[in-house]
PDB file of N, CA and C in Angstrom:
ATOM      1  N   UNK A   1      22.095   5.091  16.565  1.00  0.00           N
ATOM      2  CA  UNK A   1      21.274   6.087  17.231  1.00  0.00           C
ATOM      3  C   UNK A   1      20.683   5.457  18.480  1.00  0.00           C
ATOM      4  N   UNK A   2      20.888   6.108  19.580  1.00  0.00           N
ATOM      5  CA  UNK A   2      20.402   5.590  20.851  1.00  0.00           C
ATOM      6  C   UNK A   2      19.069   6.247  21.197  1.00  0.00           C
ATOM      7  N   UNK A   3      18.073   5.438  21.442  1.00  0.00           N
ATOM      8  CA  UNK A   3      16.752   5.947  21.804  1.00  0.00           C
ATOM      9  C   UNK A   3      16.574   5.740  23.301  1.00  0.00           C
ATOM     10  N   UNK A   4      16.401   6.836  23.997  1.00  0.00           N
ATOM     11  CA  UNK A   4      16.284   6.769  25.451  1.00  0.00           C
ATOM     12  C   UNK A   4      14.855   6.415  25.848  1.00  0.00           C
ATOM     13  N   UNK A   5      14.663   5.956  27.083  1.00  0.00           N
ATOM     14  CA  UNK A   5      13.301   5.685  27.551  1.00  0.00           C
ATOM     15  C   UNK A   5      12.403   6.925  27.511  1.00  0.00           C
ATOM     16  N   UNK A   6      12.982   8.095  27.711  1.00  0.00           N
ATOM     17  CA  UNK A   6      12.203   9.328  27.643  1.00  0.00           C
ATOM     18  C   UNK A   6      11.716   9.590  26.216  1.00  0.00           C
ATOM     19  N   UNK A   7      12.530   9.246  25.228  1.00  0.00           N
ATOM     20  CA  UNK A   7      12.097   9.380  23.829  1.00  0.00           C
ATOM     21  C   UNK A   7      10.942   8.440  23.520  1.00  0.00           C
ATOM     22  N   UNK A   8      10.989   7.232  24.030  1.00  0.00           N
ATOM     23  CA  UNK A   8       9.879   6.286  23.845  1.00  0.00           C
ATOM     24  C   UNK A   8       8.612   6.796  24.518  1.00  0.00           C
ATOM     25  N   UNK A   9       8.762   7.357  25.696  1.00  0.00           N
ATOM     26  CA  UNK A   9       7.613   7.911  26.411  1.00  0.00           C
ATOM     27  C   UNK A   9       6.994   9.065  25.627  1.00  0.00           C
ATOM     28  N   UNK A  10       7.836   9.926  25.057  1.00  0.00           N
ATOM     29  CA  UNK A  10       7.333  11.036  24.244  1.00  0.00           C
ATOM     30  C   UNK A  10       6.624  10.517  22.995  1.00  0.00           C
ATOM     31  N   UNK A  11       7.153   9.469  22.375  1.00  0.00           N
ATOM     32  CA  UNK A  11       6.520   8.889  21.198  1.00  0.00           C
ATOM     33  C   UNK A  11       5.151   8.307  21.549  1.00  0.00           C
ATOM     34  N   UNK A  12       5.061   7.591  22.637  1.00  0.00           N
ATOM     35  CA  UNK A  12       3.784   6.993  23.059  1.00  0.00           C
ATOM     36  C   UNK A  12       2.778   8.082  23.403  1.00  0.00           C
ATOM     37  N   UNK A  13       3.225   9.140  24.081  1.00  0.00           N
ATOM     38  CA  UNK A  13       2.328  10.248  24.415  1.00  0.00           C
ATOM     39  C   UNK A  13       1.807  10.932  23.156  1.00  0.00           C
ATOM     40  N   UNK A  14       2.673  11.162  22.180  1.00  0.00           N
ATOM     41  CA  UNK A  14       2.249  11.792  20.928  1.00  0.00           C
ATOM     42  C   UNK A  14       1.293  10.878  20.164  1.00  0.00           C
ATOM     43  N   UNK A  15       1.561   9.583  20.183  1.00  0.00           N
ATOM     44  CA  UNK A  15       0.679   8.617  19.518  1.00  0.00           C
ATOM     45  C   UNK A  15      -0.716   8.668  20.130  1.00  0.00           C
ATOM     46  N   UNK A  16      -0.782   8.637  21.456  1.00  0.00           N
ATOM     47  CA  UNK A  16      -2.080   8.690  22.128  1.00  0.00           C
ATOM     48  C   UNK A  16      -2.780  10.015  21.871  1.00  0.00           C
ATOM     49  N   UNK A  17      -2.020  11.100  21.876  1.00  0.00           N
ATOM     50  CA  UNK A  17      -2.606  12.420  21.696  1.00  0.00           C
ATOM     51  C   UNK A  17      -3.177  12.600  20.298  1.00  0.00           C
ATOM     52  N   UNK A  18      -2.440  12.193  19.277  1.00  0.00           N
ATOM     53  CA  UNK A  18      -2.878  12.428  17.905  1.00  0.00           C
ATOM     54  C   UNK A  18      -3.779  11.337  17.349  1.00  0.00           C
ATOM     55  N   UNK A  19      -3.591  10.109  17.803  1.00  0.00           N
ATOM     56  CA  UNK A  19      -4.302   9.005  17.159  1.00  0.00           C
ATOM     57  C   UNK A  19      -5.373   8.331  18.010  1.00  0.00           C
ATOM     58  N   UNK A  20      -5.545   8.750  19.230  1.00  0.00           N
ATOM     59  CA  UNK A  20      -6.594   8.163  20.058  1.00  0.00           C
ATOM     60  C   UNK A  20      -7.532   9.237  20.597  1.00  0.00           C
ATOM     61  N   UNK A  21      -7.002  10.304  21.151  1.00  0.00           N
ATOM     62  CA  UNK A  21      -7.815  11.289  21.866  1.00  0.00           C
ATOM     63  C   UNK A  21      -8.868  11.992  21.017  1.00  0.00           C
ATOM     64  N   UNK A  22      -8.585  12.458  19.799  1.00  0.00           N
ATOM     65  CA  UNK A  22      -9.653  13.125  19.035  1.00  0.00           C
ATOM     66  C   UNK A  22     -10.841  12.205  18.764  1.00  0.00           C
ATOM     67  N   UNK A  23     -10.562  10.994  18.365  1.00  0.00           N
ATOM     68  CA  UNK A  23     -11.640  10.037  18.106  1.00  0.00           C
ATOM     69  C   UNK A  23     -12.378   9.653  19.361  1.00  0.00           C
ATOM     70  N   UNK A  24     -11.649   9.508  20.466  1.00  0.00           N
ATOM     71  CA  UNK A  24     -12.300   9.163  21.732  1.00  0.00           C
ATOM     72  C   UNK A  24     -13.232  10.278  22.184  1.00  0.00           C
ATOM     73  N   UNK A  25     -12.830  11.525  22.006  1.00  0.00           N
ATOM     74  CA  UNK A  25     -13.710  12.634  22.371  1.00  0.00           C
ATOM     75  C   UNK A  25     -15.001  12.599  21.564  1.00  0.00           C
ATOM     76  N   UNK A  26     -14.897  12.309  20.278  1.00  0.00           N
ATOM     77  CA  UNK A  26     -16.097  12.248  19.436  1.00  0.00           C
ATOM     78  C   UNK A  26     -16.973  11.066  19.840  1.00  0.00           C
ATOM     79  N   UNK A  27     -16.361   9.912  20.078  1.00  0.00           N
ATOM     80  CA  UNK A  27     -17.121   8.728  20.500  1.00  0.00           C
ATOM     81  C   UNK A  27     -17.825   8.999  21.827  1.00  0.00           C
ATOM     82  N   UNK A  28     -17.123   9.625  22.762  1.00  0.00           N
ATOM     83  CA  UNK A  28     -17.709   9.908  24.075  1.00  0.00           C
ATOM     84  C   UNK A  28     -18.807  10.954  23.962  1.00  0.00           C
ATOM     85  N   UNK A  29     -18.610  11.974  23.127  1.00  0.00           N
ATOM     86  CA  UNK A  29     -19.619  13.016  22.956  1.00  0.00           C
ATOM     87  C   UNK A  29     -20.891  12.455  22.336  1.00  0.00           C
ATOM     88  N   UNK A  30     -20.757  11.539  21.400  1.00  0.00           N
ATOM     89  CA  UNK A  30     -21.923  10.929  20.759  1.00  0.00           C
ATOM     90  C   UNK A  30     -22.598   9.876  21.639  1.00  0.00           C
ATOM     91  N   UNK A  31     -21.958   9.496  22.739  1.00  0.00           N
ATOM     92  CA  UNK A  31     -22.545   8.533  23.657  1.00  0.00           C
ATOM     93  C   UNK A  31     -22.321   7.083  23.275  1.00  0.00           C
ATOM     94  N   UNK A  32     -21.394   6.822  22.372  1.00  0.00           N
ATOM     95  CA  UNK A  32     -21.134   5.453  21.937  1.00  0.00           C
ATOM     96  C   UNK A  32     -20.269   4.690  22.912  1.00  0.00           C
ATOM     97  N   UNK A  33     -19.589   5.376  23.824  1.00  0.00           N
ATOM     98  CA  UNK A  33     -18.633   4.700  24.702  1.00  0.00           C
ATOM     99  C   UNK A  33     -19.291   3.703  25.636  1.00  0.00           C
ATOM    100  N   UNK A  34     -20.545   3.919  25.996  1.00  0.00           N
ATOM    101  CA  UNK A  34     -21.213   2.982  26.903  1.00  0.00           C
ATOM    102  C   UNK A  34     -21.619   1.692  26.189  1.00  0.00           C
ATOM    103  N   UNK A  35     -21.744   1.735  24.870  1.00  0.00           N
ATOM    104  CA  UNK A  35     -22.167   0.568  24.096  1.00  0.00           C
ATOM    105  C   UNK A  35     -21.013  -0.306  23.631  1.00  0.00           C
ATOM    106  N   UNK A  36     -19.779   0.182  23.760  1.00  0.00           N
ATOM    107  CA  UNK A  36     -18.627  -0.520  23.206  1.00  0.00           C
ATOM    108  C   UNK A  36     -17.754  -1.112  24.305  1.00  0.00           C
ATOM    109  N   UNK A  37     -17.152  -2.261  24.004  1.00  0.00           N
ATOM    110  CA  UNK A  37     -16.163  -2.794  24.938  1.00  0.00           C
ATOM    111  C   UNK A  37     -14.845  -2.054  24.702  1.00  0.00           C
ATOM    112  N   UNK A  38     -13.862  -2.177  25.593  1.00  0.00           N
ATOM    113  CA  UNK A  38     -12.629  -1.378  25.470  1.00  0.00           C
ATOM    114  C   UNK A  38     -11.878  -1.550  24.149  1.00  0.00           C
ATOM    115  N   UNK A  39     -11.848  -2.765  23.617  1.00  0.00           N
ATOM    116  CA  UNK A  39     -11.136  -2.974  22.348  1.00  0.00           C
ATOM    117  C   UNK A  39     -11.848  -2.256  21.210  1.00  0.00           C
ATOM    118  N   UNK A  40     -13.164  -2.379  21.148  1.00  0.00           N
ATOM    119  CA  UNK A  40     -13.926  -1.683  20.118  1.00  0.00           C
ATOM    120  C   UNK A  40     -13.794  -0.172  20.265  1.00  0.00           C
ATOM    121  N   UNK A  41     -13.757   0.304  21.498  1.00  0.00           N
ATOM    122  CA  UNK A  41     -13.621   1.731  21.758  1.00  0.00           C
ATOM    123  C   UNK A  41     -12.306   2.269  21.203  1.00  0.00           C
ATOM    124  N   UNK A  42     -11.213   1.537  21.424  1.00  0.00           N
ATOM    125  CA  UNK A  42      -9.908   1.963  20.910  1.00  0.00           C
ATOM    126  C   UNK A  42      -9.901   1.927  19.386  1.00  0.00           C
ATOM    127  N   UNK A  43     -10.501   0.895  18.798  1.00  0.00           N
ATOM    128  CA  UNK A  43     -10.530   0.777  17.332  1.00  0.00           C
ATOM    129  C   UNK A  43     -11.354   1.912  16.719  1.00  0.00           C
ATOM    130  N   UNK A  44     -12.523   2.191  17.272  1.00  0.00           N
ATOM    131  CA  UNK A  44     -13.345   3.287  16.765  1.00  0.00           C
ATOM    132  C   UNK A  44     -12.620   4.621  16.918  1.00  0.00           C
ATOM    133  N   UNK A  45     -12.039   4.860  18.094  1.00  0.00           N
ATOM    134  CA  UNK A  45     -11.336   6.120  18.348  1.00  0.00           C
ATOM    135  C   UNK A  45     -10.158   6.275  17.394  1.00  0.00           C
ATOM    136  N   UNK A  46      -9.409   5.195  17.185  1.00  0.00           N
ATOM    137  CA  UNK A  46      -8.266   5.238  16.278  1.00  0.00           C
ATOM    138  C   UNK A  46      -8.721   5.535  14.855  1.00  0.00           C
ATOM    139  N   UNK A  47      -9.766   4.871  14.390  1.00  0.00           N
ATOM    140  CA  UNK A  47     -10.265   5.090  13.026  1.00  0.00           C
ATOM    141  C   UNK A  47     -10.747   6.504  12.795  1.00  0.00           C
ATOM    142  N   UNK A  48     -11.494   7.035  13.748  1.00  0.00           N
ATOM    143  CA  UNK A  48     -11.984   8.403  13.619  1.00  0.00           C
ATOM    144  C   UNK A  48     -10.813   9.384  13.652  1.00  0.00           C
ATOM    145  N   UNK A  49      -9.848   9.138  14.524  1.00  0.00           N
ATOM    146  CA  UNK A  49      -8.693  10.032  14.628  1.00  0.00           C
ATOM    147  C   UNK A  49      -7.853  10.019  13.362  1.00  0.00           C
ATOM    148  N   UNK A  50      -7.660   8.853  12.782  1.00  0.00           N
ATOM    149  CA  UNK A  50      -6.890   8.775  11.530  1.00  0.00           C
ATOM    150  C   UNK A  50      -7.630   9.504  10.413  1.00  0.00           C
ATOM    151  N   UNK A  51      -8.941   9.376  10.364  1.00  0.00           N
ATOM    152  CA  UNK A  51      -9.714  10.098   9.354  1.00  0.00           C
ATOM    153  C   UNK A  51      -9.584  11.608   9.540  1.00  0.00           C
ATOM    154  N   UNK A  52      -9.666  12.067  10.780  1.00  0.00           N
ATOM    155  CA  UNK A  52      -9.512  13.495  11.061  1.00  0.00           C
ATOM    156  C   UNK A  52      -8.118  13.960  10.665  1.00  0.00           C
ATOM    157  N   UNK A  53      -7.116  13.182  11.025  1.00  0.00           N
ATOM    158  CA  UNK A  53      -5.737  13.555  10.723  1.00  0.00           C
ATOM    159  C   UNK A  53      -5.486  13.597   9.215  1.00  0.00           C
ATOM    160  N   UNK A  54      -6.059  12.666   8.466  1.00  0.00           N
ATOM    161  CA  UNK A  54      -5.881  12.651   7.009  1.00  0.00           C
ATOM    162  C   UNK A  54      -6.539  13.870   6.364  1.00  0.00           C
ATOM    163  N   UNK A  55      -7.746  14.170   6.786  1.00  0.00           N
ATOM    164  CA  UNK A  55      -8.445  15.341   6.239  1.00  0.00           C
ATOM    165  C   UNK A  55      -7.723  16.618   6.634  1.00  0.00           C
ATOM    166  N   UNK A  56      -7.315  16.696   7.878  1.00  0.00           N
ATOM    167  CA  UNK A  56      -6.623  17.887   8.370  1.00  0.00           C
ATOM    168  C   UNK A  56      -5.288  18.094   7.663  1.00  0.00           C
ATOM    169  N   UNK A  57      -4.542  17.021   7.474  1.00  0.00           N
ATOM    170  CA  UNK A  57      -3.256  17.126   6.779  1.00  0.00           C
ATOM    171  C   UNK A  57      -3.452  17.573   5.342  1.00  0.00           C
ATOM    172  N   UNK A  58      -4.482  17.061   4.690  1.00  0.00           N
ATOM    173  CA  UNK A  58      -4.765  17.463   3.315  1.00  0.00           C
ATOM    174  C   UNK A  58      -5.172  18.933   3.248  1.00  0.00           C
ATOM    175  N   UNK A  59      -6.037  19.353   4.170  1.00  0.00           N
ATOM    176  CA  UNK A  59      -6.484  20.741   4.164  1.00  0.00           C
ATOM    177  C   UNK A  59      -5.354  21.720   4.463  1.00  0.00           C
ATOM    178  N   UNK A  60      -4.433  21.314   5.331  1.00  0.00           N
ATOM    179  CA  UNK A  60      -3.318  22.198   5.662  1.00  0.00           C
ATOM    180  C   UNK A  60      -2.284  22.206   4.539  1.00  0.00           C
ATOM    181  N   UNK A  61      -2.018  21.073   3.940  1.00  0.00           N
ATOM    182  CA  UNK A  61      -0.924  20.975   2.972  1.00  0.00           C
ATOM    183  C   UNK A  61      -1.280  21.498   1.587  1.00  0.00           C
ATOM    184  N   UNK A  62      -2.482  21.249   1.105  1.00  0.00           N
ATOM    185  CA  UNK A  62      -2.800  21.598  -0.283  1.00  0.00           C
ATOM    186  C   UNK A  62      -2.830  23.096  -0.581  1.00  0.00           C
ATOM    187  N   UNK A  63      -3.530  23.900   0.193  1.00  0.00           N
ATOM    188  CA  UNK A  63      -3.605  25.313  -0.200  1.00  0.00           C
ATOM    189  C   UNK A  63      -2.271  26.057  -0.107  1.00  0.00           C
ATOM    190  N   UNK A  64      -1.427  25.668   0.808  1.00  0.00           N
ATOM    191  CA  UNK A  64      -0.209  26.423   1.047  1.00  0.00           C
ATOM    192  C   UNK A  64       1.032  25.752   0.473  1.00  0.00           C
ATOM    193  N   UNK A  65       0.912  24.508   0.064  1.00  0.00           N
ATOM    194  CA  UNK A  65       2.039  23.731  -0.447  1.00  0.00           C
ATOM    195  C   UNK A  65       3.224  23.766   0.522  1.00  0.00           C
ATOM    196  N   UNK A  66       2.911  23.523   1.781  1.00  0.00           N
ATOM    197  CA  UNK A  66       3.970  23.505   2.785  1.00  0.00           C
ATOM    198  C   UNK A  66       4.202  22.080   3.237  1.00  0.00           C
ATOM    199  N   UNK A  67       5.360  21.839   3.737  1.00  0.00           N
ATOM    200  CA  UNK A  67       5.639  20.531   4.298  1.00  0.00           C
ATOM    201  C   UNK A  67       4.935  20.383   5.634  1.00  0.00           C
ATOM    202  N   UNK A  68       4.440  19.204   5.879  1.00  0.00           N
ATOM    203  CA  UNK A  68       3.761  18.958   7.146  1.00  0.00           C
ATOM    204  C   UNK A  68       4.771  18.546   8.198  1.00  0.00           C
ATOM    205  N   UNK A  69       4.631  19.095   9.350  1.00  0.00           N
ATOM    206  CA  UNK A  69       5.385  18.626  10.494  1.00  0.00           C
ATOM    207  C   UNK A  69       4.457  18.628  11.699  1.00  0.00           C
ATOM    208  N   UNK A  70       4.994  18.283  12.821  1.00  0.00           N
ATOM    209  CA  UNK A  70       4.176  18.155  14.023  1.00  0.00           C
ATOM    210  C   UNK A  70       3.467  19.459  14.363  1.00  0.00           C
ATOM    211  N   UNK A  71       4.125  20.579  14.185  1.00  0.00           N
ATOM    212  CA  UNK A  71       3.559  21.853  14.614  1.00  0.00           C
ATOM    213  C   UNK A  71       2.474  22.370  13.683  1.00  0.00           C
ATOM    214  N   UNK A  72       2.507  22.020  12.410  1.00  0.00           N
ATOM    215  CA  UNK A  72       1.440  22.462  11.517  1.00  0.00           C
ATOM    216  C   UNK A  72       0.168  21.656  11.727  1.00  0.00           C
ATOM    217  N   UNK A  73       0.288  20.495  12.319  1.00  0.00           N
ATOM    218  CA  UNK A  73      -0.883  19.654  12.578  1.00  0.00           C
ATOM    219  C   UNK A  73      -1.397  19.829  14.002  1.00  0.00           C
ATOM    220  N   UNK A  74      -0.530  20.094  14.950  1.00  0.00           N
ATOM    221  CA  UNK A  74      -0.902  20.033  16.358  1.00  0.00           C
ATOM    222  C   UNK A  74      -1.900  21.121  16.756  1.00  0.00           C
ATOM    223  N   UNK A  75      -1.814  22.307  16.181  1.00  0.00           N
ATOM    224  CA  UNK A  75      -2.738  23.380  16.574  1.00  0.00           C
ATOM    225  C   UNK A  75      -4.170  23.074  16.131  1.00  0.00           C
ATOM    226  N   UNK A  76      -4.427  22.741  14.856  1.00  0.00           N
ATOM    227  CA  UNK A  76      -5.806  22.385  14.495  1.00  0.00           C
ATOM    228  C   UNK A  76      -6.281  21.105  15.183  1.00  0.00           C
ATOM    229  N   UNK A  77      -5.380  20.153  15.385  1.00  0.00           N
ATOM    230  CA  UNK A  77      -5.752  18.910  16.061  1.00  0.00           C
ATOM    231  C   UNK A  77      -6.159  19.194  17.505  1.00  0.00           C
ATOM    232  N   UNK A  78      -5.453  20.082  18.164  1.00  0.00           N
ATOM    233  CA  UNK A  78      -5.804  20.458  19.535  1.00  0.00           C
ATOM    234  C   UNK A  78      -7.157  21.156  19.569  1.00  0.00           C
ATOM    235  N   UNK A  79      -7.426  22.004  18.596  1.00  0.00           N
ATOM    236  CA  UNK A  79      -8.735  22.640  18.528  1.00  0.00           C
ATOM    237  C   UNK A  79      -9.851  21.619  18.339  1.00  0.00           C
ATOM    238  N   UNK A  80      -9.619  20.607  17.508  1.00  0.00           N
ATOM    239  CA  UNK A  80     -10.613  19.554  17.324  1.00  0.00           C
ATOM    240  C   UNK A  80     -10.839  18.800  18.626  1.00  0.00           C
ATOM    241  N   UNK A  81      -9.757  18.483  19.325  1.00  0.00           N
ATOM    242  CA  UNK A  81      -9.883  17.768  20.588  1.00  0.00           C
ATOM    243  C   UNK A  81     -10.689  18.582  21.592  1.00  0.00           C
ATOM    244  N   UNK A  82     -10.404  19.859  21.692  1.00  0.00           N
ATOM    245  CA  UNK A  82     -11.108  20.709  22.659  1.00  0.00           C
ATOM    246  C   UNK A  82     -12.570  20.898  22.263  1.00  0.00           C
ATOM    247  N   UNK A  83     -12.819  21.198  21.007  1.00  0.00           N
ATOM    248  CA  UNK A  83     -14.174  21.514  20.574  1.00  0.00           C
ATOM    249  C   UNK A  83     -15.099  20.306  20.498  1.00  0.00           C
ATOM    250  N   UNK A  84     -14.550  19.091  20.444  1.00  0.00           N
ATOM    251  CA  UNK A  84     -15.410  17.906  20.394  1.00  0.00           C
ATOM    252  C   UNK A  84     -15.561  17.226  21.745  1.00  0.00           C
ATOM    253  N   UNK A  85     -15.002  17.793  22.790  1.00  0.00           N
ATOM    254  CA  UNK A  85     -15.155  17.145  24.098  1.00  0.00           C
ATOM    255  C   UNK A  85     -16.596  17.297  24.583  1.00  0.00           C
ATOM    256  N   UNK A  86     -17.031  16.356  25.353  1.00  0.00           N
ATOM    257  CA  UNK A  86     -18.410  16.293  25.823  1.00  0.00           C
ATOM    258  C   UNK A  86     -18.782  17.534  26.629  1.00  0.00           C
ATOM    259  N   UNK A  87     -17.848  18.005  27.433  1.00  0.00           N
ATOM    260  CA  UNK A  87     -18.122  19.161  28.281  1.00  0.00           C
ATOM    261  C   UNK A  87     -18.308  20.433  27.465  1.00  0.00           C
ATOM    262  N   UNK A  88     -17.474  20.619  26.433  1.00  0.00           N
ATOM    263  CA  UNK A  88     -17.594  21.820  25.599  1.00  0.00           C
ATOM    264  C   UNK A  88     -18.887  21.784  24.793  1.00  0.00           C
ATOM    265  N   UNK A  89     -19.215  20.630  24.233  1.00  0.00           N
ATOM    266  CA  UNK A  89     -20.455  20.504  23.465  1.00  0.00           C
ATOM    267  C   UNK A  89     -21.659  20.754  24.365  1.00  0.00           C
ATOM    268  N   UNK A  90     -21.639  20.203  25.589  1.00  0.00           N
ATOM    269  CA  UNK A  90     -22.729  20.436  26.538  1.00  0.00           C
ATOM    270  C   UNK A  90     -22.846  21.903  26.916  1.00  0.00           C
ATOM    271  N   UNK A  91     -21.717  22.574  27.124  1.00  0.00           N
ATOM    272  CA  UNK A  91     -21.731  23.997  27.461  1.00  0.00           C
ATOM    273  C   UNK A  91     -22.318  24.827  26.318  1.00  0.00           C
ATOM    274  N   UNK A  92     -21.913  24.523  25.081  1.00  0.00           N
ATOM    275  CA  UNK A  92     -22.430  25.266  23.927  1.00  0.00           C
ATOM    276  C   UNK A  92     -23.924  25.038  23.780  1.00  0.00           C
ATOM    277  N   UNK A  93     -24.377  23.819  23.983  1.00  0.00           N
ATOM    278  CA  UNK A  93     -25.812  23.529  23.886  1.00  0.00           C
ATOM    279  C   UNK A  93     -26.588  24.291  24.949  1.00  0.00           C
ATOM    280  N   UNK A  94     -26.062  24.339  26.173  1.00  0.00           N
ATOM    281  CA  UNK A  94     -26.743  25.092  27.236  1.00  0.00           C
ATOM    282  C   UNK A  94     -26.770  26.581  26.913  1.00  0.00           C
ATOM    283  N   UNK A  95     -25.672  27.087  26.363  1.00  0.00           N
ATOM    284  CA  UNK A  95     -25.637  28.513  26.024  1.00  0.00           C
ATOM    285  C   UNK A  95     -26.607  28.854  24.897  1.00  0.00           C
ATOM    286  N   UNK A  96     -26.767  27.944  23.944  1.00  0.00           N
ATOM    287  CA  UNK A  96     -27.667  28.163  22.815  1.00  0.00           C
ATOM    288  C   UNK A  96     -29.088  27.684  23.103  1.00  0.00           C
ATOM    289  N   UNK A  97     -29.288  27.082  24.262  1.00  0.00           N
ATOM    290  CA  UNK A  97     -30.600  26.542  24.685  1.00  0.00           C
ATOM    291  C   UNK A  97     -31.143  25.517  23.693  1.00  0.00           C
ATOM    292  N   UNK A  98     -30.255  24.618  23.209  1.00  0.00           N
ATOM    293  CA  UNK A  98     -30.658  23.585  22.246  1.00  0.00           C
ATOM    294  C   UNK A  98     -31.007  22.330  23.000  1.00  0.00           C
TER     295      UNK A  98
END
């Protein structure tokens, strides 16, 4: 099986999207990013993202007894990424006057 450079690029992009970005959004929203060095930031983001992915996969798979694939995870994962971003949280707080 021949793996092209474009396939590697797609794999790296998916890895960053699913295993770094959700956790990084939460870390940045909570304000922890200024206290951490880059290595700690990646480790924290990765750990939080893996926890989210494990919980999300369990919640999606158990009630419906369906096989998990990229598409059954990507929609809720994208919602988590969007809803935990600093800008969205700030907008909701301003709208609710919190």
